[in-house]
Amino acid sequence: MRPKTRNRRIRLLAGVGATLVALTALSACGDSGAAGGKIKLSLGLFGNFGYTDLIKEYQAAHPDIEITERTAAYSDHHKNIAAHLATGAGAADIEAVDTGYVAQFKATPDKFVDLNTVGGDKLKDRWLDWKWAASLGKGGQQIGYGTDVGGLAICYRRDLFEQAQLPADRDAVSALWPTWQAFFETGKRFQAKAPNGVKFMDGGPTVLNAIVGQAPVGYYDQSDQIVVGTNPALRQGWDLVADAVKANLSAGLLYSTPPWNTGFTKGQFATVTCPAWMMTKIKDQAPDTAGKWDIASVPGGGGNWGGSYLTVPKQGKHTKEAADLAAWLTAPEQQAKVFTSKGLLPSTPSLYDDPKITGYTNPFFNNAPVGKLFTEAAKKLNPQYQGPKAGDVQTEFGNAMQRVEQGKQDGAAAWQQLVGDVAKIK
């Protein structure tokens, strides 16, 4: 009898094995969208790109596609992309890349789908010429479709300015600071009569980013050499901000950190450097301050901070569908929706003369004419060259200024260490 029992067990195990193989095959088919299953696409983001409603719209029009967003902190997000590309696994089907990191990733275009090969070559006229060019590999491969550009302005609290006996009207406020020197002098006037516990600006790193963004040359020269230690514009900007910190004008907060987010909620500062995407951050962090904020011109005029791209890593299972989604999300029609809902400034110039955009006012910011303000800024924008590790250099600038704000170093010592630290970035 034992041989018969053994044969039954063998037949039973064989049947179980066959069932598992079949289930595995069905599972794989479901993941690939076959046999009635949905194609699943993941979208890797940092911050609020304003895509939640657009994703619902796209899924309604494409019922065979299911899209999930996964969001990480700015630095973590870009470090994760680099790690996933290095290992060949783990990347989202679409990965957002900030302008400070796009040069790093376009240096390895073989890791991404060349969007020119899936219709991108026919779409290039959608974008500002420099926006399209900034994400091209050396061989002409296009690794990303542009989402937004930053632009620059100053967001300020009208109520806090009034309490400090300063003008609150946006035109009058803009007139206070034609230069950064005048901006910090205004800060001293504010601080002399400021409400208890309120500083003029959120933190030195935020203001410093704006000043760097206005310089003809930033962290890198055109040959991809870091020029921080020999760039006089950066040192001048550094000294201005370090002096403002010393004058007690700063709340000492580092942007995109939990304490900075709390600073909006608690009203710990009266001004923040304001690229267009900053409007969403303010609204998200301090929704109860609607109408208290307004927007003025940035000292020095012009400049840019931020802006991103949607890339499609080659390691994805559904690169064609991912590329189609990226193209749709960055089309002018969708960029217009994101601007009016979240404030991200379009990188598609066809919208810059659209009355729906130029006439848009933002009620959260006291009905500031943000459409006119930011589109005019975009037309004047002279883009700064971004080297391969510009995002990492920017992080080191923020860390160095934090050391000044925390009293660990004076401005000169922090600058000296900063120059040495960024020289090690490869």
Protein backbone atom coordinates (compact mmCIF):
# COMPACT_ATOMS: atom_id res chain seq x y z
CA MET A 1 0.00 0.00 0.00
CA ARG A 2 2.85 2.40 0.64
CA PRO A 3 3.90 2.64 -3.00
CA LYS A 4 0.33 3.65 -3.90
CA THR A 5 0.31 6.35 -1.18
CA ARG A 6 3.64 7.64 -2.38
CA ASN A 7 2.34 7.81 -5.96
CA ARG A 8 -0.70 9.75 -4.79
CA ARG A 9 1.55 12.25 -2.99
CA ILE A 10 3.67 12.67 -6.08
CA ARG A 11 0.60 13.27 -8.21
CA LEU A 12 -0.76 15.72 -5.58
CA LEU A 13 2.50 17.69 -5.42
CA ALA A 14 2.70 17.76 -9.19
CA GLY A 15 -0.83 19.14 -9.32
CA VAL A 16 -0.04 21.82 -6.74
CA GLY A 17 3.09 22.78 -8.67
CA ALA A 18 1.16 23.09 -11.90
CA THR A 19 -1.43 25.24 -10.16
CA LEU A 20 1.26 27.56 -8.76
CA VAL A 21 2.84 27.91 -12.22
CA ALA A 22 -0.54 28.74 -13.68
CA LEU A 23 -1.26 31.30 -10.94
CA THR A 24 2.15 32.89 -11.45
CA ALA A 25 1.52 33.16 -15.15
CA LEU A 26 -1.88 34.74 -14.56
CA SER A 27 -0.36 37.17 -12.07
CA ALA A 28 2.28 38.20 -14.57
CA CYS A 29 -0.36 38.66 -17.24
CA GLY A 30 -2.40 40.84 -14.91
CA ASP A 31 0.60 43.03 -14.18
CA SER A 32 1.30 43.52 -17.88
CA GLY A 33 -2.26 44.47 -18.64
CA ALA A 34 -3.14 41.30 -20.53
CA ALA A 35 -6.09 38.96 -19.89
CA GLY A 36 -8.30 41.80 -18.75
CA GLY A 37 -5.91 43.19 -16.14
CA LYS A 38 -4.97 46.85 -15.85
CA ILE A 39 -1.61 48.33 -16.74
CA LYS A 40 -0.21 49.75 -13.52
CA LEU A 41 1.94 52.88 -13.76
CA SER A 42 3.77 54.53 -10.87
CA LEU A 43 4.66 58.20 -10.73
CA GLY A 44 7.59 59.21 -8.51
CA LEU A 45 7.34 62.80 -7.28
CA PHE A 46 8.67 65.25 -4.71
CA GLY A 47 6.31 67.92 -3.42
CA ASN A 48 2.88 68.73 -4.83
CA PHE A 49 2.85 68.65 -8.64
CA GLY A 50 -0.90 69.16 -8.81
CA TYR A 51 -1.50 65.87 -10.59
CA THR A 52 -4.16 64.25 -8.39
CA ASP A 53 -7.17 65.46 -10.39
CA LEU A 54 -5.34 65.05 -13.70
CA ILE A 55 -4.62 61.41 -12.88
CA LYS A 56 -8.32 60.82 -12.23
CA GLU A 57 -9.10 62.44 -15.57
CA TYR A 58 -6.53 60.32 -17.41
CA GLN A 59 -7.70 57.09 -15.80
CA ALA A 60 -11.30 57.87 -16.76
CA ALA A 61 -10.21 58.25 -20.38
CA HIS A 62 -7.94 55.17 -20.17
CA PRO A 63 -9.82 52.58 -18.07
CA ASP A 64 -7.11 49.98 -18.75
CA ILE A 65 -4.52 52.07 -16.85
CA GLU A 66 -4.14 52.47 -13.09
CA ILE A 67 -1.78 55.19 -11.81
CA THR A 68 -0.32 55.57 -8.34
CA GLU A 69 1.71 58.50 -7.00
CA ARG A 70 4.58 58.02 -4.59
CA THR A 71 6.11 61.09 -3.04
CA ALA A 72 9.39 61.54 -1.16
CA ALA A 73 11.35 64.46 0.24
CA TYR A 74 13.35 66.43 -2.33
CA SER A 75 16.85 65.12 -1.57
CA ASP A 76 15.70 61.58 -0.77
CA HIS A 77 13.76 61.41 -4.03
CA HIS A 78 16.77 62.21 -6.19
CA LYS A 79 19.10 59.97 -4.22
CA ASN A 80 16.61 57.15 -4.66
CA ILE A 81 16.47 57.67 -8.41
CA ALA A 82 20.27 57.47 -8.64
CA ALA A 83 20.27 54.26 -6.59
CA HIS A 84 17.50 52.67 -8.65
CA LEU A 85 19.24 53.52 -11.91
CA ALA A 86 22.50 52.06 -10.61
CA THR A 87 20.88 48.76 -9.60
CA GLY A 88 18.52 48.57 -12.57
CA ALA A 89 15.44 48.10 -10.41
CA GLY A 90 13.04 50.00 -8.18
CA ALA A 91 12.43 53.16 -10.20
CA ALA A 92 8.91 54.42 -10.80
CA ASP A 93 7.57 54.21 -14.35
CA ILE A 94 7.78 58.01 -14.44
CA GLU A 95 10.29 59.87 -12.28
CA ALA A 96 10.16 63.63 -11.75
CA VAL A 97 13.58 65.28 -11.82
CA ASP A 98 14.29 68.80 -10.57
CA THR A 99 16.26 71.22 -12.72
CA GLY A 100 19.10 71.04 -10.19
CA TYR A 101 19.53 67.33 -10.93
CA VAL A 102 18.64 67.04 -14.61
CA ALA A 103 22.24 67.58 -15.76
CA GLN A 104 23.36 64.69 -13.54
CA PHE A 105 20.83 62.28 -15.02
CA LYS A 106 21.10 63.36 -18.64
CA ALA A 107 24.78 62.36 -18.45
CA THR A 108 23.53 58.73 -18.51
CA PRO A 109 20.82 58.90 -21.19
CA ASP A 110 21.02 55.14 -21.72
CA LYS A 111 19.16 54.72 -18.41
CA PHE A 112 16.11 56.56 -19.77
CA VAL A 113 13.76 56.23 -22.71
CA ASP A 114 14.79 58.69 -25.42
CA LEU A 115 11.48 60.50 -25.70
CA ASN A 116 12.36 61.58 -29.22
CA THR A 117 11.87 57.96 -30.26
CA VAL A 118 8.29 57.84 -28.95
CA GLY A 119 6.95 61.05 -30.46
CA GLY A 120 8.82 63.68 -28.45
CA ASP A 121 10.58 65.02 -31.53
CA LYS A 122 7.18 66.15 -32.79
CA LEU A 123 6.32 67.87 -29.48
CA LYS A 124 9.45 69.93 -28.82
CA ASP A 125 7.85 73.21 -29.94
CA ARG A 126 5.54 73.02 -26.94
CA TRP A 127 8.32 74.15 -24.60
CA LEU A 128 10.62 77.10 -24.13
CA ASP A 129 13.72 76.44 -26.23
CA TRP A 130 16.03 76.44 -23.22
CA LYS A 131 13.70 74.16 -21.24
CA TRP A 132 13.78 71.54 -24.00
CA ALA A 133 17.55 71.86 -24.42
CA ALA A 134 18.33 71.52 -20.71
CA SER A 135 17.27 67.86 -20.60
CA LEU A 136 19.02 66.71 -23.78
CA GLY A 137 21.85 64.18 -23.53
CA LYS A 138 25.07 64.86 -25.40
CA GLY A 139 23.90 62.64 -28.24
CA GLY A 140 20.62 64.54 -28.54
CA GLN A 141 18.58 62.05 -26.50
CA GLN A 142 15.65 63.68 -24.74
CA ILE A 143 15.32 62.25 -21.23
CA GLY A 144 12.46 64.39 -19.90
CA TYR A 145 9.44 66.51 -20.72
CA GLY A 146 9.39 69.88 -18.94
CA THR A 147 6.74 70.46 -16.28
CA ASP A 148 7.16 73.99 -14.93
CA VAL A 149 9.66 76.80 -14.52
CA GLY A 150 10.16 78.61 -11.25
CA GLY A 151 10.37 82.33 -11.88
CA LEU A 152 10.91 84.52 -8.84
CA ALA A 153 8.90 86.90 -6.66
CA ILE A 154 8.57 87.67 -2.94
CA CYS A 155 5.57 86.40 -1.00
CA TYR A 156 4.84 88.46 2.11
CA ARG A 157 2.34 88.70 4.96
CA ARG A 158 0.30 91.89 4.57
CA ASP A 159 -0.96 91.76 8.13
CA LEU A 160 2.52 91.46 9.61
CA PHE A 161 3.80 94.33 7.46
CA GLU A 162 0.94 96.50 8.70
CA GLN A 163 1.72 95.60 12.31
CA ALA A 164 5.33 96.63 11.71
CA GLN A 165 4.08 99.94 10.25
CA LEU A 166 5.32 99.20 6.74
CA PRO A 167 3.34 99.59 3.50
CA ALA A 168 1.20 96.55 2.67
CA ASP A 169 0.04 97.36 -0.88
CA ARG A 170 1.93 95.11 -3.33
CA ASP A 171 3.11 97.95 -5.59
CA ALA A 172 4.32 99.97 -2.62
CA VAL A 173 6.05 96.89 -1.19
CA SER A 174 7.76 96.18 -4.51
CA ALA A 175 9.05 99.75 -4.51
CA LEU A 176 10.71 99.15 -1.12
CA TRP A 177 13.31 96.80 -2.54
CA PRO A 178 14.67 97.40 -6.06
CA THR A 179 17.88 95.70 -4.88
CA TRP A 180 18.79 93.02 -2.35
CA GLN A 181 20.56 95.62 -0.26
CA ALA A 182 17.28 97.54 -0.08
CA PHE A 183 15.46 94.31 0.76
CA PHE A 184 17.61 93.75 3.83
CA GLU A 185 17.34 97.42 4.84
CA THR A 186 13.57 96.99 4.72
CA GLY A 187 14.06 93.95 6.90
CA LYS A 188 15.78 96.06 9.54
CA ARG A 189 12.86 98.51 9.51
CA PHE A 190 10.45 95.59 9.86
CA GLN A 191 12.40 94.00 12.69
CA ALA A 192 12.48 97.24 14.68
CA LYS A 193 8.69 97.13 15.06
CA ALA A 194 7.94 93.48 14.32
CA PRO A 195 5.27 91.56 16.23
CA ASN A 196 6.71 89.46 19.02
CA GLY A 197 8.39 86.27 17.77
CA VAL A 198 8.23 87.20 14.08
CA LYS A 199 11.29 87.53 11.83
CA PHE A 200 11.52 89.33 8.52
CA MET A 201 12.50 86.27 6.45
CA ASP A 202 12.15 82.51 6.81
CA GLY A 203 15.82 81.58 6.49
CA GLY A 204 19.07 82.52 4.83
CA PRO A 205 19.18 79.52 2.44
CA THR A 206 15.89 80.46 0.78
CA VAL A 207 16.97 84.03 0.05
CA LEU A 208 20.42 82.87 -1.02
CA ASN A 209 18.90 80.53 -3.62
CA ALA A 210 17.14 83.49 -5.20
CA ILE A 211 20.31 85.57 -5.34
CA VAL A 212 22.24 82.67 -6.84
CA GLY A 213 19.45 82.15 -9.38
CA GLN A 214 19.86 85.71 -10.66
CA ALA A 215 23.62 85.47 -11.23
CA PRO A 216 24.87 85.17 -14.83
CA VAL A 217 26.96 82.18 -13.73
CA GLY A 218 25.89 79.91 -10.89
CA TYR A 219 27.64 76.96 -9.32
CA TYR A 220 29.15 75.67 -12.58
CA ASP A 221 30.72 77.06 -15.71
CA GLN A 222 29.87 75.72 -19.17
CA SER A 223 32.66 73.12 -18.94
CA ASP A 224 30.98 71.55 -15.88
CA GLN A 225 33.59 72.83 -13.45
CA ILE A 226 32.41 73.98 -10.03
CA VAL A 227 33.29 77.68 -9.73
CA VAL A 228 31.84 78.50 -6.30
CA GLY A 229 35.18 79.61 -4.87
CA THR A 230 36.00 81.90 -7.81
CA ASN A 231 32.54 83.30 -8.61
CA PRO A 232 32.32 86.83 -7.12
CA ALA A 233 28.53 87.02 -7.54
CA LEU A 234 28.08 84.04 -5.24
CA ARG A 235 30.41 85.41 -2.58
CA GLN A 236 28.70 88.81 -2.68
CA GLY A 237 25.31 87.17 -2.28
CA TRP A 238 26.63 85.00 0.53
CA ASP A 239 27.98 88.00 2.44
CA LEU A 240 24.70 89.91 2.06
CA VAL A 241 22.68 87.03 3.49
CA ALA A 242 25.19 86.25 6.25
CA ASP A 243 25.05 89.91 7.33
CA ALA A 244 21.23 89.75 7.38
CA VAL A 245 21.40 86.67 9.60
CA LYS A 246 23.80 88.49 11.89
CA ALA A 247 21.32 91.39 12.03
CA ASN A 248 18.70 88.96 13.41
CA LEU A 249 16.38 89.19 10.38
CA SER A 250 16.05 85.45 9.88
CA ALA A 251 13.88 82.83 11.56
CA GLY A 252 16.74 80.40 10.94
CA LEU A 253 14.64 77.82 9.08
CA LEU A 254 15.80 75.54 6.27
CA TYR A 255 13.32 75.23 3.42
CA SER A 256 11.46 71.96 2.86
CA THR A 257 11.94 70.75 6.44
CA PRO A 258 9.27 70.14 9.11
CA PRO A 259 10.30 73.21 11.18
CA TRP A 260 10.02 75.39 8.05
CA ASN A 261 6.55 73.98 7.36
CA THR A 262 5.57 74.76 10.95
CA GLY A 263 6.92 78.28 10.50
CA PHE A 264 4.20 78.99 7.94
CA THR A 265 1.52 77.67 10.25
CA LYS A 266 2.70 79.68 13.25
CA GLY A 267 3.45 82.87 11.32
CA GLN A 268 7.10 82.95 12.34
CA PHE A 269 8.24 85.06 9.38
CA ALA A 270 6.89 87.79 7.13
CA THR A 271 8.58 87.10 3.78
CA VAL A 272 9.69 84.12 1.73
CA THR A 273 11.41 83.97 -1.64
CA CYS A 274 8.64 82.88 -3.95
CA PRO A 275 9.09 81.00 -7.20
CA ALA A 276 5.66 80.16 -8.59
CA TRP A 277 5.61 76.68 -7.04
CA MET A 278 6.07 78.20 -3.58
CA MET A 279 2.45 79.39 -3.64
CA THR A 280 1.22 75.82 -3.30
CA LYS A 281 3.60 75.12 -0.41
CA ILE A 282 2.30 78.15 1.48
CA LYS A 283 -1.33 77.25 0.85
CA ASP A 284 -0.77 73.61 1.83
CA GLN A 285 1.07 74.45 5.04
CA ALA A 286 -1.02 77.39 6.23
CA PRO A 287 -4.53 77.18 4.74
CA ASP A 288 -5.92 79.41 7.50
CA THR A 289 -3.79 82.36 6.30
CA ALA A 290 -5.80 82.91 3.10
CA GLY A 291 -5.95 86.61 2.24
CA LYS A 292 -3.10 87.51 4.60
CA TRP A 293 -0.45 86.80 1.98
CA ASP A 294 0.38 88.88 -1.08
CA ILE A 295 3.07 88.86 -3.77
CA ALA A 296 5.59 91.56 -4.69
CA SER A 297 8.38 91.81 -7.23
CA VAL A 298 11.69 90.16 -6.44
CA PRO A 299 14.68 92.43 -5.74
CA GLY A 300 17.08 92.62 -8.67
CA GLY A 301 14.42 91.57 -11.20
CA GLY A 302 14.15 88.23 -13.00
CA GLY A 303 15.83 85.00 -12.04
CA ASN A 304 14.70 81.44 -11.63
CA TRP A 305 14.54 78.80 -8.93
CA GLY A 306 13.27 75.36 -9.71
CA GLY A 307 11.22 73.71 -12.38
CA SER A 308 11.15 70.02 -13.17
CA TYR A 309 10.95 67.28 -15.81
CA LEU A 310 9.12 63.97 -16.16
CA THR A 311 11.46 61.15 -17.18
CA VAL A 312 10.80 57.53 -18.13
CA PRO A 313 13.45 55.08 -16.85
CA LYS A 314 14.13 52.24 -19.29
CA GLN A 315 13.80 49.64 -16.54
CA GLY A 316 10.01 50.09 -16.44
CA LYS A 317 7.67 47.40 -17.77
CA HIS A 318 5.39 49.81 -19.61
CA THR A 319 7.64 52.52 -21.04
CA LYS A 320 5.38 53.34 -24.00
CA GLU A 321 2.37 53.91 -21.79
CA ALA A 322 4.50 55.86 -19.31
CA ALA A 323 5.84 58.11 -22.07
CA ASP A 324 2.29 58.75 -23.29
CA LEU A 325 1.22 59.74 -19.78
CA ALA A 326 4.24 62.02 -19.34
CA ALA A 327 3.47 63.74 -22.64
CA TRP A 328 -0.16 64.26 -21.62
CA LEU A 329 0.64 65.58 -18.13
CA THR A 330 3.05 68.17 -19.57
CA ALA A 331 0.86 69.28 -22.49
CA PRO A 332 -0.16 72.97 -22.45
CA GLU A 333 -3.76 72.11 -21.58
CA GLN A 334 -2.71 70.25 -18.44
CA GLN A 335 -0.03 72.80 -17.50
CA ALA A 336 -2.74 75.49 -17.61
CA LYS A 337 -4.90 73.48 -15.20
CA VAL A 338 -1.97 72.97 -12.83
CA PHE A 339 -1.18 76.69 -12.86
CA THR A 340 -4.69 77.80 -11.99
CA SER A 341 -5.11 75.10 -9.33
CA LYS A 342 -1.61 74.91 -7.81
CA GLY A 343 0.35 77.86 -9.18
CA LEU A 344 3.13 76.00 -11.01
CA LEU A 345 4.31 78.28 -13.81
CA PRO A 346 3.96 76.60 -17.24
CA SER A 347 7.05 75.93 -19.33
CA THR A 348 4.92 76.08 -22.50
CA PRO A 349 5.08 79.65 -23.91
CA SER A 350 1.84 79.29 -25.89
CA LEU A 351 0.10 79.96 -22.57
CA TYR A 352 1.95 83.19 -21.78
CA ASP A 353 -0.48 85.26 -23.85
CA ASP A 354 -3.59 83.22 -23.03
CA PRO A 355 -6.09 85.52 -21.23
CA LYS A 356 -7.15 82.63 -19.00
CA ILE A 357 -3.58 82.54 -17.71
CA THR A 358 -2.51 86.19 -17.84
CA GLY A 359 -5.78 87.29 -16.25
CA TYR A 360 -5.65 84.74 -13.45
CA THR A 361 -5.67 86.12 -9.91
CA ASN A 362 -5.13 84.06 -6.79
CA PRO A 363 -7.65 84.69 -4.00
CA PHE A 364 -5.41 83.07 -1.38
CA PHE A 365 -2.82 85.79 -2.08
CA ASN A 366 -5.23 88.72 -1.80
CA ASN A 367 -6.19 88.33 -5.48
CA ALA A 368 -2.63 88.99 -6.60
CA PRO A 369 -2.37 89.02 -10.43
CA VAL A 370 -0.13 85.98 -10.42
CA GLY A 371 -0.82 85.12 -14.06
CA LYS A 372 0.46 88.46 -15.29
CA LEU A 373 3.27 88.63 -12.74
CA PHE A 374 4.78 85.21 -13.42
CA THR A 375 4.24 85.02 -17.18
CA GLU A 376 5.99 88.36 -17.62
CA ALA A 377 8.82 87.05 -15.48
CA ALA A 378 9.02 83.90 -17.61
CA LYS A 379 9.33 85.92 -20.82
CA LYS A 380 12.32 87.77 -19.38
CA LEU A 381 13.93 84.69 -17.87
CA ASN A 382 17.56 84.19 -18.88
CA PRO A 383 18.29 80.60 -17.80
CA GLN A 384 21.41 79.84 -15.83
CA TYR A 385 23.51 76.84 -16.78
CA GLN A 386 23.04 73.93 -14.38
CA GLY A 387 25.99 71.58 -13.88
CA PRO A 388 25.76 67.85 -13.18
CA LYS A 389 25.52 68.07 -9.38
CA ALA A 390 23.89 71.49 -8.99
CA GLY A 391 21.29 70.02 -6.64
CA ASP A 392 23.98 68.65 -4.34
CA VAL A 393 25.84 71.98 -4.38
CA GLN A 394 22.63 73.80 -3.48
CA THR A 395 22.18 71.44 -0.53
CA GLU A 396 25.69 72.27 0.71
CA PHE A 397 24.90 76.01 0.46
CA GLY A 398 21.85 75.48 2.64
CA ASN A 399 23.80 73.44 5.18
CA ALA A 400 26.56 76.05 5.34
CA MET A 401 24.16 78.93 5.90
CA GLN A 402 22.42 76.90 8.60
CA ARG A 403 25.73 76.70 10.45
CA VAL A 404 25.80 80.50 10.45
CA GLU A 405 22.20 80.73 11.62
CA GLN A 406 22.82 78.26 14.43
CA GLY A 407 25.86 80.17 15.63
CA LYS A 408 28.27 77.33 14.86
CA GLN A 409 30.36 79.45 12.45
CA ASP A 410 30.56 83.03 11.31
CA GLY A 411 29.93 83.87 7.68
CA ALA A 412 33.60 83.83 6.64
CA ALA A 413 34.37 80.48 8.26
CA ALA A 414 31.23 78.86 6.88
CA TRP A 415 32.09 80.13 3.40
CA GLN A 416 35.59 78.72 3.62
CA GLN A 417 34.27 75.30 4.63
CA LEU A 418 31.57 75.48 1.94
CA VAL A 419 34.13 76.04 -0.82
CA GLY A 420 36.05 73.00 0.37
CA ASP A 421 32.93 70.86 0.72
CA VAL A 422 31.60 71.55 -2.77
CA ALA A 423 35.03 70.91 -4.29
CA LYS A 424 34.64 67.29 -3.14
CA ILE A 425 31.40 66.82 -5.09
CA LYS A 426 32.08 64.68 -8.13
